[in-house]
C-alpha atoms as a PDB file:
ATOM      1  CA  MET A   1       0.504  33.742 119.393  1.00  0.00           C
ATOM      2  CA  LEU A   2      -2.807  30.965 119.646  1.00  0.00           C
ATOM      3  CA  ASP A   3      -3.987  31.871 116.107  1.00  0.00           C
ATOM      4  CA  ILE A   4      -0.012  30.380 115.156  1.00  0.00           C
ATOM      5  CA  MET A   5      -0.772  27.716 117.599  1.00  0.00           C
ATOM      6  CA  PHE A   6      -3.986  26.487 116.131  1.00  0.00           C
ATOM      7  CA  PHE A   7      -2.382  26.734 112.095  1.00  0.00           C
ATOM      8  CA  VAL A   8       0.447  23.977 113.190  1.00  0.00           C
ATOM      9  CA  LYS A   9      -1.978  21.939 114.979  1.00  0.00           C
ATOM     10  CA  THR A  10      -4.551  21.560 111.779  1.00  0.00           C
ATOM     11  CA  ALA A  11      -1.596  21.311 109.564  1.00  0.00           C
ATOM     12  CA  LEU A  12      -0.049  18.889 111.419  1.00  0.00           C
ATOM     13  CA  LEU A  13      -3.262  17.203 111.826  1.00  0.00           C
ATOM     14  CA  THR A  14      -3.864  17.700 107.762  1.00  0.00           C
ATOM     15  CA  ALA A  15      -0.595  16.029 107.185  1.00  0.00           C
ATOM     16  CA  VAL A  16      -0.877  13.279 109.102  1.00  0.00           C
ATOM     17  CA  ILE A  17      -4.701  12.695 107.305  1.00  0.00           C
ATOM     18  CA  VAL A  18      -3.218  12.525 104.381  1.00  0.00           C
ATOM     19  CA  ALA A  19      -0.516  10.230 104.783  1.00  0.00           C
ATOM     20  CA  LEU A  20      -2.397   7.680 106.671  1.00  0.00           C
ATOM     21  CA  LEU A  21      -4.997   7.630 103.432  1.00  0.00           C
ATOM     22  CA  GLN A  22      -1.798   6.899 101.116  1.00  0.00           C
ATOM     23  CA  ILE A  23      -2.141   3.346 102.888  1.00  0.00           C
ATOM     24  CA  LYS A  24      -2.461   0.427 100.959  1.00  0.00           C
ATOM     25  CA  VAL A  25      -4.900  -2.762 102.325  1.00  0.00           C
ATOM     26  CA  GLY A  26      -5.410  -5.014  99.686  1.00  0.00           C
ATOM     27  CA  GLY A  27      -4.834  -3.689  96.140  1.00  0.00           C
ATOM     28  CA  ASN A  28      -5.824  -0.416  96.951  1.00  0.00           C
ATOM     29  CA  THR A  29      -5.358   2.269  99.666  1.00  0.00           C
ATOM     30  CA  LEU A  30      -7.376   3.736 102.278  1.00  0.00           C
ATOM     31  CA  GLU A  31      -8.162   6.819 100.209  1.00  0.00           C
ATOM     32  CA  VAL A  32      -9.818   4.629  97.331  1.00  0.00           C
ATOM     33  CA  GLU A  33     -11.590   2.919  98.996  1.00  0.00           C
ATOM     34  CA  ALA A  34     -13.156   5.670 101.295  1.00  0.00           C
ATOM     35  CA  HIS A  35     -13.892   7.342  97.833  1.00  0.00           C
ATOM     36  CA  GLN A  36     -15.580   4.512  96.572  1.00  0.00           C
ATOM     37  CA  PHE A  37     -17.713   3.750  99.763  1.00  0.00           C
ATOM     38  CA  ILE A  38     -18.728   7.117  99.291  1.00  0.00           C
ATOM     39  CA  GLN A  39     -20.084   6.582  95.717  1.00  0.00           C
ATOM     40  CA  THR A  40     -21.634   3.560  96.473  1.00  0.00           C
ATOM     41  CA  SER A  41     -23.084   4.543  99.922  1.00  0.00           C
ATOM     42  CA  SER A  42     -26.855   4.556  99.861  1.00  0.00           C
ATOM     43  CA  LEU A  43     -26.825   8.175 101.534  1.00  0.00           C
ATOM     44  CA  ILE A  44     -25.677   9.807  98.254  1.00  0.00           C
ATOM     45  CA  GLN A  45     -28.965   9.451  96.614  1.00  0.00           C
ATOM     46  CA  PRO A  46     -30.619  11.866  99.191  1.00  0.00           C
ATOM     47  CA  LEU A  47     -27.822  13.841  99.149  1.00  0.00           C
ATOM     48  CA  HIS A  48     -27.790  14.473  95.941  1.00  0.00           C
ATOM     49  CA  GLU A  49     -31.156  14.860  95.666  1.00  0.00           C
ATOM     50  CA  VAL A  50     -31.011  17.915  98.420  1.00  0.00           C
ATOM     51  CA  ALA A  51     -27.682  19.076  96.346  1.00  0.00           C
ATOM     52  CA  GLU A  52     -29.690  19.720  92.986  1.00  0.00           C
ATOM     53  CA  SER A  53     -32.637  21.237  95.061  1.00  0.00           C
ATOM     54  CA  GLY A  54     -30.381  23.832  96.381  1.00  0.00           C
ATOM     55  CA  VAL A  55     -28.704  24.785  93.204  1.00  0.00           C
ATOM     56  CA  VAL A  56     -32.288  25.469  91.768  1.00  0.00           C
ATOM     57  CA  LEU A  57     -33.476  27.362  94.825  1.00  0.00           C
ATOM     58  CA  ILE A  58     -30.190  29.310  94.626  1.00  0.00           C
ATOM     59  CA  ARG A  59     -30.888  29.479  90.694  1.00  0.00           C
ATOM     60  CA  LYS A  60     -34.607  30.813  90.635  1.00  0.00           C
ATOM     61  CA  GLY A  61     -33.673  33.865  93.411  1.00  0.00           C
ATOM     62  CA  ILE A  62     -31.193  34.907  91.580  1.00  0.00           C
ATOM     63  CA  LYS A  63     -33.557  35.335  88.289  1.00  0.00           C
ATOM     64  CA  TRP A  64     -36.477  36.795  90.890  1.00  0.00           C
ATOM     65  CA  SER A  65     -34.093  38.815  92.462  1.00  0.00           C
ATOM     66  CA  SER A  66     -32.318  40.429  89.086  1.00  0.00           C
ATOM     67  CA  GLU A  67     -35.883  41.299  87.551  1.00  0.00           C
ATOM     68  CA  GLN A  68     -37.286  42.855  90.625  1.00  0.00           C
ATOM     69  CA  ILE A  69     -34.066  44.833  90.502  1.00  0.00           C
ATOM     70  CA  ASN A  70     -34.446  45.293  86.914  1.00  0.00           C
ATOM     71  CA  SER A  71     -38.204  46.077  87.043  1.00  0.00           C
ATOM     72  CA  ARG A  72     -37.573  48.971  89.236  1.00  0.00           C
ATOM     73  CA  TRP A  73     -34.578  49.883  87.797  1.00  0.00           C
ATOM     74  CA  HIS A  74     -36.971  50.763  84.872  1.00  0.00           C
ATOM     75  CA  ARG A  75     -40.166  51.942  86.540  1.00  0.00           C
ATOM     76  CA  ASN A  76     -38.353  54.635  87.875  1.00  0.00           C
ATOM     77  CA  LYS A  77     -36.427  55.530  84.844  1.00  0.00           C
ATOM     78  CA  LEU A  78     -32.575  55.553  85.944  1.00  0.00           C
ATOM     79  CA  PRO A  79     -30.045  56.344  83.867  1.00  0.00           C
ATOM     80  CA  MET A  80     -28.216  53.356  82.728  1.00  0.00           C
ATOM     81  CA  LYS A  81     -25.954  53.944  79.792  1.00  0.00           C
ATOM     82  CA  LYS A  82     -22.770  56.691  79.602  1.00  0.00           C
ATOM     83  CA  ASP A  83     -24.932  58.468  76.983  1.00  0.00           C
ATOM     84  CA  SER A  84     -28.523  59.021  78.101  1.00  0.00           C
ATOM     85  CA  GLY A  85     -27.808  62.269  79.512  1.00  0.00           C
ATOM     86  CA  PHE A  86     -26.508  61.291  83.160  1.00  0.00           C
ATOM     87  CA  TRP A  87     -23.025  61.505  82.270  1.00  0.00           C
ATOM     88  CA  GLN A  88     -22.615  64.793  81.031  1.00  0.00           C
ATOM     89  CA  ARG A  89     -18.478  66.085  79.505  1.00  0.00           C
ATOM     90  CA  SER A  90     -17.769  70.427  80.215  1.00  0.00           C
ATOM     91  CA  GLU A  91     -18.525  72.536  77.950  1.00  0.00           C
ATOM     92  CA  SER A  92     -14.738  73.331  78.004  1.00  0.00           C
ATOM     93  CA  TYR A  93     -13.878  69.695  77.558  1.00  0.00           C
ATOM     94  CA  GLU A  94     -15.952  69.321  74.740  1.00  0.00           C
ATOM     95  CA  ARG A  95     -13.804  72.024  73.113  1.00  0.00           C
ATOM     96  CA  ASP A  96     -10.704  70.775  74.279  1.00  0.00           C
ATOM     97  CA  VAL A  97     -11.479  67.436  71.988  1.00  0.00           C
ATOM     98  CA  ALA A  98     -13.135  68.971  69.439  1.00  0.00           C
ATOM     99  CA  LYS A  99      -9.920  70.482  68.229  1.00  0.00           C
ATOM    100  CA  LYS A 100      -7.203  68.309  68.868  1.00  0.00           C
ATOM    101  CA  LYS A 101      -9.756  66.457  65.988  1.00  0.00           C
ATOM    102  CA  GLU A 102      -9.009  69.308  64.281  1.00  0.00           C
ATOM    103  CA  ALA A 103      -5.695  69.751  65.040  1.00  0.00           C
ATOM    104  CA  GLN A 104      -5.324  65.790  63.712  1.00  0.00           C
ATOM    105  CA  ALA A 105      -7.385  66.091  60.734  1.00  0.00           C
ATOM    106  CA  GLU A 106      -5.169  68.921  59.166  1.00  0.00           C
ATOM    107  CA  GLN A 107      -2.160  66.678  60.347  1.00  0.00           C
ATOM    108  CA  ASP A 108      -3.945  63.514  58.355  1.00  0.00           C
ATOM    109  CA  GLN A 109      -4.539  65.429  54.932  1.00  0.00           C
ATOM    110  CA  PRO A 110      -2.203  64.694  52.334  1.00  0.00           C
ATOM    111  CA  GLY A 111      -1.550  67.925  50.899  1.00  0.00           C
ATOM    112  CA  SER A 112      -0.067  69.155  54.740  1.00  0.00           C
ATOM    113  CA  THR A 113       3.509  70.467  54.287  1.00  0.00           C
ATOM    114  CA  GLU A 114       4.065  68.439  57.707  1.00  0.00           C
ATOM    115  CA  ASN A 115       3.544  65.098  56.224  1.00  0.00           C
ATOM    116  CA  LYS A 116       6.233  66.235  53.147  1.00  0.00           C
ATOM    117  CA  GLN A 117       9.499  66.111  55.422  1.00  0.00           C
END
């Protein structure tokens, strides 16, 4: 029950804030004024630089991690592809597939009696 009340309170608070931001002061709404203030604030440039640095850090971390994984993967020579011998079909499956291909090839031949119908 407490979870539902938290959700209801949060939804109502959000609706009230959104409604208040639509009030016009002068020629603009409070939402536009707040947006312009945030864009022209002196705090924005340092925050922007911190965010850019965080993005660069994440990219370098992902690149380093993938290089480490790839180097260890190749060093241990683990199979990576289906045709590398890691995945093997059973002999009975291979025989069944070959028989089906032969039967299909016989049906597809132009001189076949089944195609003359």
